[in-house]
Amino acid sequence: MNQDKVEHWAFGFVLSLGVFFNPWLFVIGVAFAIGKEVYDMKHGKFDVFDIMATMVGVFCAVSLVRLIS
């Protein structure tokens, strides 16, 4: 796994970890995943695996919060 995918996962995880306090952070995590790749597409660096890595981070954060609460 390369550093870029780890960073995408971590950002999705950290951004969505606060879903316990604010459910909209899940939506923000998803929006970031898609928005970042739309931005990258305009610069010729689109990678669907970046979206997937961010979404896995979002899913892990939401799962952890649900498990704890």
PDB file of N, CA and C in Angstrom:
ATOM      1  N   MET A   1       0.860  -1.177   0.000  1.00  0.00           N
ATOM      2  CA  MET A   1       0.000   0.000   0.000  1.00  0.00           C
ATOM      3  C   MET A   1       0.903   1.235   0.000  1.00  0.00           C
ATOM      4  N   ASN A   2       0.599   2.170  -0.876  1.00  0.00           N
ATOM      5  CA  ASN A   2       1.469   3.338  -0.937  1.00  0.00           C
ATOM      6  C   ASN A   2       1.005   4.442   0.003  1.00  0.00           C
ATOM      7  N   GLN A   3       1.858   5.399   0.187  1.00  0.00           N
ATOM      8  CA  GLN A   3       1.622   6.483   1.146  1.00  0.00           C
ATOM      9  C   GLN A   3       0.369   7.291   0.805  1.00  0.00           C
ATOM     10  N   ASP A   4       0.105   7.490  -0.484  1.00  0.00           N
ATOM     11  CA  ASP A   4      -1.067   8.266  -0.902  1.00  0.00           C
ATOM     12  C   ASP A   4      -2.361   7.607  -0.425  1.00  0.00           C
ATOM     13  N   LYS A   5      -2.460   6.300  -0.550  1.00  0.00           N
ATOM     14  CA  LYS A   5      -3.680   5.596  -0.132  1.00  0.00           C
ATOM     15  C   LYS A   5      -3.829   5.635   1.390  1.00  0.00           C
ATOM     16  N   VAL A   6      -2.721   5.541   2.100  1.00  0.00           N
ATOM     17  CA  VAL A   6      -2.746   5.634   3.566  1.00  0.00           C
ATOM     18  C   VAL A   6      -3.246   7.014   3.983  1.00  0.00           C
ATOM     19  N   GLU A   7      -2.787   8.047   3.296  1.00  0.00           N
ATOM     20  CA  GLU A   7      -3.233   9.403   3.625  1.00  0.00           C
ATOM     21  C   GLU A   7      -4.722   9.581   3.329  1.00  0.00           C
ATOM     22  N   HIS A   8      -5.195   9.027   2.219  1.00  0.00           N
ATOM     23  CA  HIS A   8      -6.623   9.102   1.913  1.00  0.00           C
ATOM     24  C   HIS A   8      -7.435   8.377   2.985  1.00  0.00           C
ATOM     25  N   TRP A   9      -6.981   7.173   3.377  1.00  0.00           N
ATOM     26  CA  TRP A   9      -7.684   6.413   4.416  1.00  0.00           C
ATOM     27  C   TRP A   9      -7.717   7.207   5.717  1.00  0.00           C
ATOM     28  N   ALA A  10      -6.570   7.735   6.108  1.00  0.00           N
ATOM     29  CA  ALA A  10      -6.473   8.455   7.383  1.00  0.00           C
ATOM     30  C   ALA A  10      -7.351   9.702   7.384  1.00  0.00           C
ATOM     31  N   PHE A  11      -7.376  10.431   6.282  1.00  0.00           N
ATOM     32  CA  PHE A  11      -8.192  11.640   6.237  1.00  0.00           C
ATOM     33  C   PHE A  11      -9.670  11.283   6.326  1.00  0.00           C
ATOM     34  N   GLY A  12     -10.089  10.250   5.593  1.00  0.00           N
ATOM     35  CA  GLY A  12     -11.485   9.810   5.673  1.00  0.00           C
ATOM     36  C   GLY A  12     -11.843   9.348   7.076  1.00  0.00           C
ATOM     37  N   PHE A  13     -10.919   8.640   7.717  1.00  0.00           N
ATOM     38  CA  PHE A  13     -11.150   8.128   9.070  1.00  0.00           C
ATOM     39  C   PHE A  13     -11.274   9.273  10.065  1.00  0.00           C
ATOM     40  N   VAL A  14     -10.297  10.171  10.069  1.00  0.00           N
ATOM     41  CA  VAL A  14     -10.284  11.269  11.037  1.00  0.00           C
ATOM     42  C   VAL A  14     -11.475  12.197  10.821  1.00  0.00           C
ATOM     43  N   LEU A  15     -11.773  12.513   9.569  1.00  0.00           N
ATOM     44  CA  LEU A  15     -12.877  13.413   9.284  1.00  0.00           C
ATOM     45  C   LEU A  15     -14.203  12.818   9.730  1.00  0.00           C
ATOM     46  N   SER A  16     -14.379  11.518   9.561  1.00  0.00           N
ATOM     47  CA  SER A  16     -15.652  10.892   9.892  1.00  0.00           C
ATOM     48  C   SER A  16     -15.705  10.356  11.319  1.00  0.00           C
ATOM     49  N   LEU A  17     -14.606  10.352  12.027  1.00  0.00           N
ATOM     50  CA  LEU A  17     -14.586   9.858  13.405  1.00  0.00           C
ATOM     51  C   LEU A  17     -15.505  10.671  14.294  1.00  0.00           C
ATOM     52  N   GLY A  18     -15.684  11.924  13.998  1.00  0.00           N
ATOM     53  CA  GLY A  18     -16.556  12.789  14.777  1.00  0.00           C
ATOM     54  C   GLY A  18     -18.026  12.559  14.527  1.00  0.00           C
ATOM     55  N   VAL A  19     -18.377  11.525  13.752  1.00  0.00           N
ATOM     56  CA  VAL A  19     -19.786  11.248  13.457  1.00  0.00           C
ATOM     57  C   VAL A  19     -20.573  10.979  14.744  1.00  0.00           C
ATOM     58  N   PHE A  20     -19.875  10.588  15.795  1.00  0.00           N
ATOM     59  CA  PHE A  20     -20.509  10.375  17.092  1.00  0.00           C
ATOM     60  C   PHE A  20     -21.114  11.678  17.608  1.00  0.00           C
ATOM     61  N   PHE A  21     -20.437  12.777  17.317  1.00  0.00           N
ATOM     62  CA  PHE A  21     -20.880  14.084  17.776  1.00  0.00           C
ATOM     63  C   PHE A  21     -21.750  14.800  16.752  1.00  0.00           C
ATOM     64  N   ASN A  22     -21.483  14.544  15.474  1.00  0.00           N
ATOM     65  CA  ASN A  22     -22.214  15.228  14.412  1.00  0.00           C
ATOM     66  C   ASN A  22     -22.370  14.287  13.214  1.00  0.00           C
ATOM     67  N   PRO A  23     -23.579  13.774  12.975  1.00  0.00           N
ATOM     68  CA  PRO A  23     -23.795  12.823  11.883  1.00  0.00           C
ATOM     69  C   PRO A  23     -23.423  13.369  10.504  1.00  0.00           C
ATOM     70  N   TRP A  24     -23.378  14.681  10.348  1.00  0.00           N
ATOM     71  CA  TRP A  24     -23.028  15.257   9.052  1.00  0.00           C
ATOM     72  C   TRP A  24     -21.575  15.026   8.681  1.00  0.00           C
ATOM     73  N   LEU A  25     -20.733  14.663   9.637  1.00  0.00           N
ATOM     74  CA  LEU A  25     -19.334  14.414   9.311  1.00  0.00           C
ATOM     75  C   LEU A  25     -19.181  13.204   8.395  1.00  0.00           C
ATOM     76  N   PHE A  26     -20.120  12.276   8.447  1.00  0.00           N
ATOM     77  CA  PHE A  26     -20.117  11.151   7.504  1.00  0.00           C
ATOM     78  C   PHE A  26     -20.295  11.679   6.081  1.00  0.00           C
ATOM     79  N   VAL A  27     -21.250  12.575   5.913  1.00  0.00           N
ATOM     80  CA  VAL A  27     -21.525  13.158   4.594  1.00  0.00           C
ATOM     81  C   VAL A  27     -20.322  13.963   4.113  1.00  0.00           C
ATOM     82  N   ILE A  28     -19.699  14.685   5.023  1.00  0.00           N
ATOM     83  CA  ILE A  28     -18.525  15.476   4.662  1.00  0.00           C
ATOM     84  C   ILE A  28     -17.386  14.554   4.221  1.00  0.00           C
ATOM     85  N   GLY A  29     -17.219  13.424   4.899  1.00  0.00           N
ATOM     86  CA  GLY A  29     -16.187  12.458   4.506  1.00  0.00           C
ATOM     87  C   GLY A  29     -16.415  11.923   3.104  1.00  0.00           C
ATOM     88  N   VAL A  30     -17.654  11.582   2.784  1.00  0.00           N
ATOM     89  CA  VAL A  30     -18.000  11.093   1.453  1.00  0.00           C
ATOM     90  C   VAL A  30     -17.795  12.200   0.415  1.00  0.00           C
ATOM     91  N   ALA A  31     -18.249  13.403   0.737  1.00  0.00           N
ATOM     92  CA  ALA A  31     -18.100  14.528  -0.188  1.00  0.00           C
ATOM     93  C   ALA A  31     -16.626  14.825  -0.457  1.00  0.00           C
ATOM     94  N   PHE A  32     -15.799  14.725   0.569  1.00  0.00           N
ATOM     95  CA  PHE A  32     -14.377  14.954   0.378  1.00  0.00           C
ATOM     96  C   PHE A  32     -13.786  13.910  -0.562  1.00  0.00           C
ATOM     97  N   ALA A  33     -14.161  12.653  -0.362  1.00  0.00           N
ATOM     98  CA  ALA A  33     -13.621  11.578  -1.199  1.00  0.00           C
ATOM     99  C   ALA A  33     -13.905  11.833  -2.672  1.00  0.00           C
ATOM    100  N   ILE A  34     -15.115  12.220  -2.969  1.00  0.00           N
ATOM    101  CA  ILE A  34     -15.503  12.459  -4.357  1.00  0.00           C
ATOM    102  C   ILE A  34     -14.932  13.791  -4.856  1.00  0.00           C
ATOM    103  N   GLY A  35     -15.048  14.825  -4.042  1.00  0.00           N
ATOM    104  CA  GLY A  35     -14.571  16.143  -4.441  1.00  0.00           C
ATOM    105  C   GLY A  35     -13.080  16.182  -4.731  1.00  0.00           C
ATOM    106  N   LYS A  36     -12.301  15.506  -3.919  1.00  0.00           N
ATOM    107  CA  LYS A  36     -10.845  15.476  -4.116  1.00  0.00           C
ATOM    108  C   LYS A  36     -10.506  14.842  -5.452  1.00  0.00           C
ATOM    109  N   GLU A  37     -11.200  13.789  -5.824  1.00  0.00           N
ATOM    110  CA  GLU A  37     -10.903  13.136  -7.093  1.00  0.00           C
ATOM    111  C   GLU A  37     -11.429  13.933  -8.288  1.00  0.00           C
ATOM    112  N   VAL A  38     -12.502  14.668  -8.121  1.00  0.00           N
ATOM    113  CA  VAL A  38     -12.958  15.565  -9.193  1.00  0.00           C
ATOM    114  C   VAL A  38     -11.879  16.625  -9.431  1.00  0.00           C
ATOM    115  N   TYR A  39     -11.331  17.149  -8.349  1.00  0.00           N
ATOM    116  CA  TYR A  39     -10.232  18.114  -8.454  1.00  0.00           C
ATOM    117  C   TYR A  39      -9.036  17.468  -9.167  1.00  0.00           C
ATOM    118  N   ASP A  40      -8.682  16.248  -8.746  1.00  0.00           N
ATOM    119  CA  ASP A  40      -7.550  15.553  -9.362  1.00  0.00           C
ATOM    120  C   ASP A  40      -7.808  15.253 -10.837  1.00  0.00           C
ATOM    121  N   MET A  41      -9.056  14.962 -11.196  1.00  0.00           N
ATOM    122  CA  MET A  41      -9.393  14.661 -12.578  1.00  0.00           C
ATOM    123  C   MET A  41      -9.069  15.861 -13.481  1.00  0.00           C
ATOM    124  N   LYS A  42      -9.313  17.052 -12.967  1.00  0.00           N
ATOM    125  CA  LYS A  42      -9.030  18.260 -13.747  1.00  0.00           C
ATOM    126  C   LYS A  42      -7.534  18.468 -13.938  1.00  0.00           C
ATOM    127  N   HIS A  43      -6.723  17.830 -13.100  1.00  0.00           N
ATOM    128  CA  HIS A  43      -5.268  17.955 -13.188  1.00  0.00           C
ATOM    129  C   HIS A  43      -4.622  16.675 -13.710  1.00  0.00           C
ATOM    130  N   GLY A  44      -5.426  15.768 -14.264  1.00  0.00           N
ATOM    131  CA  GLY A  44      -4.907  14.556 -14.890  1.00  0.00           C
ATOM    132  C   GLY A  44      -4.408  13.493 -13.935  1.00  0.00           C
ATOM    133  N   LYS A  45      -4.877  13.508 -12.680  1.00  0.00           N
ATOM    134  CA  LYS A  45      -4.379  12.528 -11.701  1.00  0.00           C
ATOM    135  C   LYS A  45      -5.508  11.724 -11.062  1.00  0.00           C
ATOM    136  N   PHE A  46      -6.618  11.526 -11.760  1.00  0.00           N
ATOM    137  CA  PHE A  46      -7.761  10.810 -11.203  1.00  0.00           C
ATOM    138  C   PHE A  46      -7.390   9.367 -10.884  1.00  0.00           C
ATOM    139  N   ASP A  47      -7.810   8.890  -9.720  1.00  0.00           N
ATOM    140  CA  ASP A  47      -7.559   7.505  -9.315  1.00  0.00           C
ATOM    141  C   ASP A  47      -8.747   7.023  -8.489  1.00  0.00           C
ATOM    142  N   VAL A  48      -9.495   6.093  -9.050  1.00  0.00           N
ATOM    143  CA  VAL A  48     -10.676   5.579  -8.356  1.00  0.00           C
ATOM    144  C   VAL A  48     -10.292   4.902  -7.035  1.00  0.00           C
ATOM    145  N   PHE A  49      -9.080   4.403  -6.947  1.00  0.00           N
ATOM    146  CA  PHE A  49      -8.643   3.752  -5.709  1.00  0.00           C
ATOM    147  C   PHE A  49      -8.442   4.761  -4.573  1.00  0.00           C
ATOM    148  N   ASP A  50      -8.205   6.026  -4.917  1.00  0.00           N
ATOM    149  CA  ASP A  50      -8.151   7.065  -3.881  1.00  0.00           C
ATOM    150  C   ASP A  50      -9.531   7.246  -3.250  1.00  0.00           C
ATOM    151  N   ILE A  51     -10.577   7.240  -4.084  1.00  0.00           N
ATOM    152  CA  ILE A  51     -11.941   7.335  -3.556  1.00  0.00           C
ATOM    153  C   ILE A  51     -12.217   6.143  -2.653  1.00  0.00           C
ATOM    154  N   MET A  52     -11.839   4.963  -3.105  1.00  0.00           N
ATOM    155  CA  MET A  52     -12.081   3.761  -2.315  1.00  0.00           C
ATOM    156  C   MET A  52     -11.328   3.809  -0.989  1.00  0.00           C
ATOM    157  N   ALA A  53     -10.087   4.265  -1.006  1.00  0.00           N
ATOM    158  CA  ALA A  53      -9.292   4.343   0.230  1.00  0.00           C
ATOM    159  C   ALA A  53      -9.932   5.313   1.216  1.00  0.00           C
ATOM    160  N   THR A  54     -10.397   6.457   0.732  1.00  0.00           N
ATOM    161  CA  THR A  54     -11.052   7.425   1.606  1.00  0.00           C
ATOM    162  C   THR A  54     -12.348   6.846   2.163  1.00  0.00           C
ATOM    163  N   MET A  55     -13.125   6.173   1.311  1.00  0.00           N
ATOM    164  CA  MET A  55     -14.395   5.592   1.753  1.00  0.00           C
ATOM    165  C   MET A  55     -14.183   4.474   2.776  1.00  0.00           C
ATOM    166  N   VAL A  56     -13.115   3.710   2.639  1.00  0.00           N
ATOM    167  CA  VAL A  56     -12.806   2.682   3.641  1.00  0.00           C
ATOM    168  C   VAL A  56     -12.498   3.344   4.977  1.00  0.00           C
ATOM    169  N   GLY A  57     -11.780   4.448   4.944  1.00  0.00           N
ATOM    170  CA  GLY A  57     -11.518   5.199   6.180  1.00  0.00           C
ATOM    171  C   GLY A  57     -12.798   5.707   6.812  1.00  0.00           C
ATOM    172  N   VAL A  58     -13.716   6.225   5.993  1.00  0.00           N
ATOM    173  CA  VAL A  58     -15.015   6.687   6.482  1.00  0.00           C
ATOM    174  C   VAL A  58     -15.779   5.518   7.100  1.00  0.00           C
ATOM    175  N   PHE A  59     -15.817   4.400   6.406  1.00  0.00           N
ATOM    176  CA  PHE A  59     -16.528   3.217   6.899  1.00  0.00           C
ATOM    177  C   PHE A  59     -15.933   2.724   8.223  1.00  0.00           C
ATOM    178  N   CYS A  60     -14.612   2.694   8.318  1.00  0.00           N
ATOM    179  CA  CYS A  60     -13.968   2.253   9.564  1.00  0.00           C
ATOM    180  C   CYS A  60     -14.319   3.173  10.730  1.00  0.00           C
ATOM    181  N   ALA A  61     -14.310   4.465  10.494  1.00  0.00           N
ATOM    182  CA  ALA A  61     -14.642   5.422  11.564  1.00  0.00           C
ATOM    183  C   ALA A  61     -16.077   5.268  12.018  1.00  0.00           C
ATOM    184  N   VAL A  62     -17.000   5.185  11.061  1.00  0.00           N
ATOM    185  CA  VAL A  62     -18.410   5.049  11.409  1.00  0.00           C
ATOM    186  C   VAL A  62     -18.652   3.718  12.135  1.00  0.00           C
ATOM    187  N   SER A  63     -17.997   2.656  11.684  1.00  0.00           N
ATOM    188  CA  SER A  63     -18.130   1.346  12.328  1.00  0.00           C
ATOM    189  C   SER A  63     -17.605   1.391  13.761  1.00  0.00           C
ATOM    190  N   LEU A  64     -16.470   2.032  13.950  1.00  0.00           N
ATOM    191  CA  LEU A  64     -15.892   2.143  15.285  1.00  0.00           C
ATOM    192  C   LEU A  64     -16.810   2.908  16.223  1.00  0.00           C
ATOM    193  N   VAL A  65     -17.355   4.015  15.745  1.00  0.00           N
ATOM    194  CA  VAL A  65     -18.258   4.821  16.567  1.00  0.00           C
ATOM    195  C   VAL A  65     -19.500   4.018  16.912  1.00  0.00           C
ATOM    196  N   ARG A  66     -20.050   3.289  15.942  1.00  0.00           N
ATOM    197  CA  ARG A  66     -21.248   2.479  16.209  1.00  0.00           C
ATOM    198  C   ARG A  66     -20.931   1.357  17.193  1.00  0.00           C
ATOM    199  N   LEU A  67     -19.733   0.779  17.100  1.00  0.00           N
ATOM    200  CA  LEU A  67     -19.331  -0.292  17.993  1.00  0.00           C
ATOM    201  C   LEU A  67     -19.200   0.231  19.431  1.00  0.00           C
ATOM    202  N   ILE A  68     -18.653   1.422  19.579  1.00  0.00           N
ATOM    203  CA  ILE A  68     -18.447   2.005  20.903  1.00  0.00           C
ATOM    204  C   ILE A  68     -19.754   2.440  21.539  1.00  0.00           C
ATOM    205  N   SER A  69     -20.654   2.990  20.727  1.00  0.00           N
ATOM    206  CA  SER A  69     -21.903   3.535  21.301  1.00  0.00           C
ATOM    207  C   SER A  69     -23.011   2.562  21.282  1.00  0.00           C
TER     208      SER A  69
END
